[in-house]
PDB file of N, CA and C in Angstrom:
ATOM      1  N   UNK A   1     211.577 115.772 145.178  1.00  0.00           N
ATOM      2  CA  UNK A   1     210.339 116.717 145.034  1.00  0.00           C
ATOM      3  C   UNK A   1     210.147 116.695 143.578  1.00  0.00           C
ATOM      4  N   UNK A   2     208.771 116.859 143.208  1.00  0.00           N
ATOM      5  CA  UNK A   2     208.328 116.868 141.912  1.00  0.00           C
ATOM      6  C   UNK A   2     207.222 117.932 141.858  1.00  0.00           C
ATOM      7  N   UNK A   3     207.258 118.560 140.726  1.00  0.00           N
ATOM      8  CA  UNK A   3     206.095 119.590 140.583  1.00  0.00           C
ATOM      9  C   UNK A   3     205.661 119.417 139.091  1.00  0.00           C
ATOM     10  N   UNK A   4     204.460 119.886 138.862  1.00  0.00           N
ATOM     11  CA  UNK A   4     203.835 120.030 137.537  1.00  0.00           C
ATOM     12  C   UNK A   4     203.796 121.372 136.828  1.00  0.00           C
ATOM     13  N   UNK A   5     204.849 122.164 137.129  1.00  0.00           N
ATOM     14  CA  UNK A   5     204.800 123.490 136.643  1.00  0.00           C
ATOM     15  C   UNK A   5     205.194 123.516 135.191  1.00  0.00           C
ATOM     16  N   UNK A   6     205.825 124.629 134.935  1.00  0.00           N
ATOM     17  CA  UNK A   6     206.089 124.935 133.566  1.00  0.00           C
ATOM     18  C   UNK A   6     207.296 124.194 133.033  1.00  0.00           C
ATOM     19  N   UNK A   7     208.262 123.929 133.939  1.00  0.00           N
ATOM     20  CA  UNK A   7     209.695 123.293 133.743  1.00  0.00           C
ATOM     21  C   UNK A   7     210.454 124.374 132.986  1.00  0.00           C
ATOM     22  N   UNK A   8     211.608 123.773 132.652  1.00  0.00           N
ATOM     23  CA  UNK A   8     212.794 124.606 132.022  1.00  0.00           C
ATOM     24  C   UNK A   8     213.818 123.756 131.502  1.00  0.00           C
ATOM     25  N   UNK A   9     214.471 124.243 130.500  1.00  0.00           N
ATOM     26  CA  UNK A   9     215.670 123.663 129.853  1.00  0.00           C
ATOM     27  C   UNK A   9     216.770 123.777 130.853  1.00  0.00           C
ATOM     28  N   UNK A  10     217.041 122.523 131.509  1.00  0.00           N
ATOM     29  CA  UNK A  10     218.286 122.667 132.397  1.00  0.00           C
ATOM     30  C   UNK A  10     219.633 123.062 131.923  1.00  0.00           C
ATOM     31  N   UNK A  11     219.969 122.788 130.545  1.00  0.00           N
ATOM     32  CA  UNK A  11     221.204 123.118 130.056  1.00  0.00           C
ATOM     33  C   UNK A  11     221.191 124.679 129.792  1.00  0.00           C
ATOM     34  N   UNK A  12     220.108 125.259 129.650  1.00  0.00           N
ATOM     35  CA  UNK A  12     220.173 126.801 129.248  1.00  0.00           C
ATOM     36  C   UNK A  12     219.630 127.532 130.605  1.00  0.00           C
ATOM     37  N   UNK A  13     219.548 126.898 131.669  1.00  0.00           N
ATOM     38  CA  UNK A  13     219.069 127.745 132.941  1.00  0.00           C
ATOM     39  C   UNK A  13     220.166 128.584 133.371  1.00  0.00           C
ATOM     40  N   UNK A  14     219.650 129.817 133.635  1.00  0.00           N
ATOM     41  CA  UNK A  14     220.668 130.770 134.213  1.00  0.00           C
ATOM     42  C   UNK A  14     221.433 130.419 135.525  1.00  0.00           C
ATOM     43  N   UNK A  15     222.471 130.902 135.797  1.00  0.00           N
ATOM     44  CA  UNK A  15     223.208 130.645 137.013  1.00  0.00           C
ATOM     45  C   UNK A  15     222.701 131.558 138.073  1.00  0.00           C
ATOM     46  N   UNK A  16     221.479 131.246 138.656  1.00  0.00           N
ATOM     47  CA  UNK A  16     221.030 131.925 139.794  1.00  0.00           C
ATOM     48  C   UNK A  16     221.389 131.351 140.980  1.00  0.00           C
ATOM     49  N   UNK A  17     221.037 131.817 142.228  1.00  0.00           N
ATOM     50  CA  UNK A  17     221.360 131.557 143.486  1.00  0.00           C
ATOM     51  C   UNK A  17     220.559 130.397 143.850  1.00  0.00           C
ATOM     52  N   UNK A  18     219.412 130.156 143.540  1.00  0.00           N
ATOM     53  CA  UNK A  18     218.410 129.101 143.995  1.00  0.00           C
ATOM     54  C   UNK A  18     218.960 127.675 143.832  1.00  0.00           C
ATOM     55  N   UNK A  19     219.024 127.267 142.589  1.00  0.00           N
ATOM     56  CA  UNK A  19     219.576 125.859 142.419  1.00  0.00           C
ATOM     57  C   UNK A  19     221.113 125.605 142.656  1.00  0.00           C
ATOM     58  N   UNK A  20     221.767 126.760 142.267  1.00  0.00           N
ATOM     59  CA  UNK A  20     223.212 126.697 142.615  1.00  0.00           C
ATOM     60  C   UNK A  20     223.474 126.463 144.246  1.00  0.00           C
ATOM     61  N   UNK A  21     222.770 127.470 144.912  1.00  0.00           N
ATOM     62  CA  UNK A  21     222.919 127.341 146.468  1.00  0.00           C
ATOM     63  C   UNK A  21     222.475 125.902 146.950  1.00  0.00           C
ATOM     64  N   UNK A  22     221.463 125.430 146.346  1.00  0.00           N
ATOM     65  CA  UNK A  22     221.013 124.042 146.763  1.00  0.00           C
ATOM     66  C   UNK A  22     222.157 122.900 146.495  1.00  0.00           C
ATOM     67  N   UNK A  23     222.553 122.919 145.292  1.00  0.00           N
ATOM     68  CA  UNK A  23     223.747 122.152 144.857  1.00  0.00           C
ATOM     69  C   UNK A  23     224.850 122.183 145.736  1.00  0.00           C
ATOM     70  N   UNK A  24     225.284 123.671 146.132  1.00  0.00           N
ATOM     71  CA  UNK A  24     226.362 123.768 147.155  1.00  0.00           C
ATOM     72  C   UNK A  24     226.164 123.162 148.401  1.00  0.00           C
ATOM     73  N   UNK A  25     224.984 123.299 148.898  1.00  0.00           N
ATOM     74  CA  UNK A  25     224.512 122.851 150.365  1.00  0.00           C
ATOM     75  C   UNK A  25     224.673 121.378 150.355  1.00  0.00           C
ATOM     76  N   UNK A  26     224.039 120.660 149.361  1.00  0.00           N
ATOM     77  CA  UNK A  26     224.044 119.352 149.269  1.00  0.00           C
ATOM     78  C   UNK A  26     225.523 118.746 149.187  1.00  0.00           C
ATOM     79  N   UNK A  27     226.399 119.375 148.296  1.00  0.00           N
ATOM     80  CA  UNK A  27     227.720 118.860 148.238  1.00  0.00           C
ATOM     81  C   UNK A  27     228.497 118.999 149.479  1.00  0.00           C
ATOM     82  N   UNK A  28     228.125 120.074 150.308  1.00  0.00           N
ATOM     83  CA  UNK A  28     228.885 120.160 151.665  1.00  0.00           C
ATOM     84  C   UNK A  28     228.728 119.035 152.634  1.00  0.00           C
ATOM     85  N   UNK A  29     227.626 118.252 152.502  1.00  0.00           N
ATOM     86  CA  UNK A  29     227.410 117.100 153.357  1.00  0.00           C
ATOM     87  C   UNK A  29     227.809 115.682 152.546  1.00  0.00           C
ATOM     88  N   UNK A  30     228.532 115.916 151.420  1.00  0.00           N
ATOM     89  CA  UNK A  30     228.903 114.739 150.472  1.00  0.00           C
ATOM     90  C   UNK A  30     227.664 114.108 149.847  1.00  0.00           C
ATOM     91  N   UNK A  31     226.621 114.961 149.504  1.00  0.00           N
ATOM     92  CA  UNK A  31     225.480 114.517 148.901  1.00  0.00           C
ATOM     93  C   UNK A  31     225.416 114.610 147.525  1.00  0.00           C
ATOM     94  N   UNK A  32     224.380 114.436 146.549  1.00  0.00           N
ATOM     95  CA  UNK A  32     224.248 114.767 145.227  1.00  0.00           C
ATOM     96  C   UNK A  32     222.935 115.171 144.837  1.00  0.00           C
ATOM     97  N   UNK A  33     222.856 116.174 143.843  1.00  0.00           N
ATOM     98  CA  UNK A  33     221.546 116.659 143.568  1.00  0.00           C
ATOM     99  C   UNK A  33     221.424 116.574 142.068  1.00  0.00           C
ATOM    100  N   UNK A  34     220.259 115.922 141.699  1.00  0.00           N
ATOM    101  CA  UNK A  34     220.088 115.735 140.062  1.00  0.00           C
ATOM    102  C   UNK A  34     218.711 116.564 139.809  1.00  0.00           C
ATOM    103  N   UNK A  35     218.881 117.261 138.840  1.00  0.00           N
ATOM    104  CA  UNK A  35     217.637 118.175 138.285  1.00  0.00           C
ATOM    105  C   UNK A  35     217.282 117.723 136.980  1.00  0.00           C
ATOM    106  N   UNK A  36     215.961 117.181 136.740  1.00  0.00           N
ATOM    107  CA  UNK A  36     215.352 116.791 135.636  1.00  0.00           C
ATOM    108  C   UNK A  36     214.167 117.737 135.282  1.00  0.00           C
ATOM    109  N   UNK A  37     214.210 118.411 134.141  1.00  0.00           N
ATOM    110  CA  UNK A  37     213.056 119.254 133.745  1.00  0.00           C
ATOM    111  C   UNK A  37     213.290 119.383 132.322  1.00  0.00           C
ATOM    112  N   UNK A  38     212.034 119.917 131.641  1.00  0.00           N
ATOM    113  CA  UNK A  38     211.960 120.185 130.300  1.00  0.00           C
ATOM    114  C   UNK A  38     210.760 121.318 130.130  1.00  0.00           C
ATOM    115  N   UNK A  39     210.820 122.222 129.202  1.00  0.00           N
ATOM    116  CA  UNK A  39     209.777 123.052 129.160  1.00  0.00           C
ATOM    117  C   UNK A  39     208.375 122.378 128.967  1.00  0.00           C
ATOM    118  N   UNK A  40     207.437 122.883 129.647  1.00  0.00           N
ATOM    119  CA  UNK A  40     206.024 122.248 129.739  1.00  0.00           C
ATOM    120  C   UNK A  40     206.014 120.864 130.375  1.00  0.00           C
ATOM    121  N   UNK A  41     207.048 120.377 131.024  1.00  0.00           N
ATOM    122  CA  UNK A  41     207.006 119.049 131.589  1.00  0.00           C
ATOM    123  C   UNK A  41     207.141 118.982 133.118  1.00  0.00           C
ATOM    124  N   UNK A  42     207.254 120.074 133.854  1.00  0.00           N
ATOM    125  CA  UNK A  42     207.501 120.196 135.286  1.00  0.00           C
ATOM    126  C   UNK A  42     208.944 119.864 135.588  1.00  0.00           C
ATOM    127  N   UNK A  43     209.237 119.924 136.812  1.00  0.00           N
ATOM    128  CA  UNK A  43     210.746 119.643 137.416  1.00  0.00           C
ATOM    129  C   UNK A  43     210.746 118.563 138.336  1.00  0.00           C
ATOM    130  N   UNK A  44     211.663 117.945 138.468  1.00  0.00           N
ATOM    131  CA  UNK A  44     211.944 116.768 139.370  1.00  0.00           C
ATOM    132  C   UNK A  44     213.440 117.120 139.971  1.00  0.00           C
ATOM    133  N   UNK A  45     213.458 117.222 141.268  1.00  0.00           N
ATOM    134  CA  UNK A  45     214.727 117.293 142.105  1.00  0.00           C
ATOM    135  C   UNK A  45     214.950 116.033 142.796  1.00  0.00           C
ATOM    136  N   UNK A  46     216.086 115.389 142.684  1.00  0.00           N
ATOM    137  CA  UNK A  46     216.535 114.112 143.393  1.00  0.00           C
ATOM    138  C   UNK A  46     217.674 114.327 144.235  1.00  0.00           C
ATOM    139  N   UNK A  47     217.594 114.354 145.649  1.00  0.00           N
ATOM    140  CA  UNK A  47     218.712 114.722 146.484  1.00  0.00           C
ATOM    141  C   UNK A  47     219.042 113.342 147.252  1.00  0.00           C
ATOM    142  N   UNK A  48     220.403 112.992 147.214  1.00  0.00           N
ATOM    143  CA  UNK A  48     220.697 111.822 147.989  1.00  0.00           C
ATOM    144  C   UNK A  48     221.716 112.275 149.026  1.00  0.00           C
ATOM    145  N   UNK A  49     221.516 111.986 150.206  1.00  0.00           N
ATOM    146  CA  UNK A  49     222.383 112.296 151.341  1.00  0.00           C
ATOM    147  C   UNK A  49     222.998 111.142 152.014  1.00  0.00           C
ATOM    148  N   UNK A  50     224.101 111.176 152.459  1.00  0.00           N
ATOM    149  CA  UNK A  50     224.704 110.036 153.119  1.00  0.00           C
ATOM    150  C   UNK A  50     224.007 109.927 154.641  1.00  0.00           C
ATOM    151  N   UNK A  51     224.007 108.696 155.182  1.00  0.00           N
ATOM    152  CA  UNK A  51     223.535 108.499 156.416  1.00  0.00           C
ATOM    153  C   UNK A  51     224.664 108.301 157.397  1.00  0.00           C
ATOM    154  N   UNK A  52     224.792 108.915 158.322  1.00  0.00           N
ATOM    155  CA  UNK A  52     226.002 108.632 159.415  1.00  0.00           C
ATOM    156  C   UNK A  52     225.619 107.477 160.136  1.00  0.00           C
ATOM    157  N   UNK A  53     226.644 106.636 160.386  1.00  0.00           N
ATOM    158  CA  UNK A  53     226.403 105.400 161.248  1.00  0.00           C
ATOM    159  C   UNK A  53     227.019 105.690 162.413  1.00  0.00           C
ATOM    160  N   UNK A  54     226.303 105.487 163.516  1.00  0.00           N
ATOM    161  CA  UNK A  54     226.817 105.671 164.828  1.00  0.00           C
ATOM    162  C   UNK A  54     226.963 104.285 165.561  1.00  0.00           C
ATOM    163  N   UNK A  55     228.197 104.061 166.014  1.00  0.00           N
ATOM    164  CA  UNK A  55     228.683 102.753 166.739  1.00  0.00           C
ATOM    165  C   UNK A  55     228.274 103.091 168.127  1.00  0.00           C
ATOM    166  N   UNK A  56     227.556 102.059 168.561  1.00  0.00           N
ATOM    167  CA  UNK A  56     227.164 101.977 170.095  1.00  0.00           C
ATOM    168  C   UNK A  56     228.094 100.967 170.912  1.00  0.00           C
ATOM    169  N   UNK A  57     228.750 101.447 171.859  1.00  0.00           N
ATOM    170  CA  UNK A  57     229.637 100.575 172.686  1.00  0.00           C
ATOM    171  C   UNK A  57     228.775  99.587 173.375  1.00  0.00           C
ATOM    172  N   UNK A  58     229.089  98.448 173.624  1.00  0.00           N
ATOM    173  CA  UNK A  58     228.361  97.435 174.288  1.00  0.00           C
ATOM    174  C   UNK A  58     228.998  97.093 175.532  1.00  0.00           C
TER     175      UNK A  58
END
């Protein structure tokens, strides 16, 4: 997800429930969340989730 909003300094971001909650939920399914942002530059969230493989009996 990308936006062209005001952005923020990721290192100085307060520990609110929004991004922290997203990070925790992604981690619960063994995924990863990357946050890229800078003041005046918008924000990009990259979420990677594992795909379950289902074996079908033949």
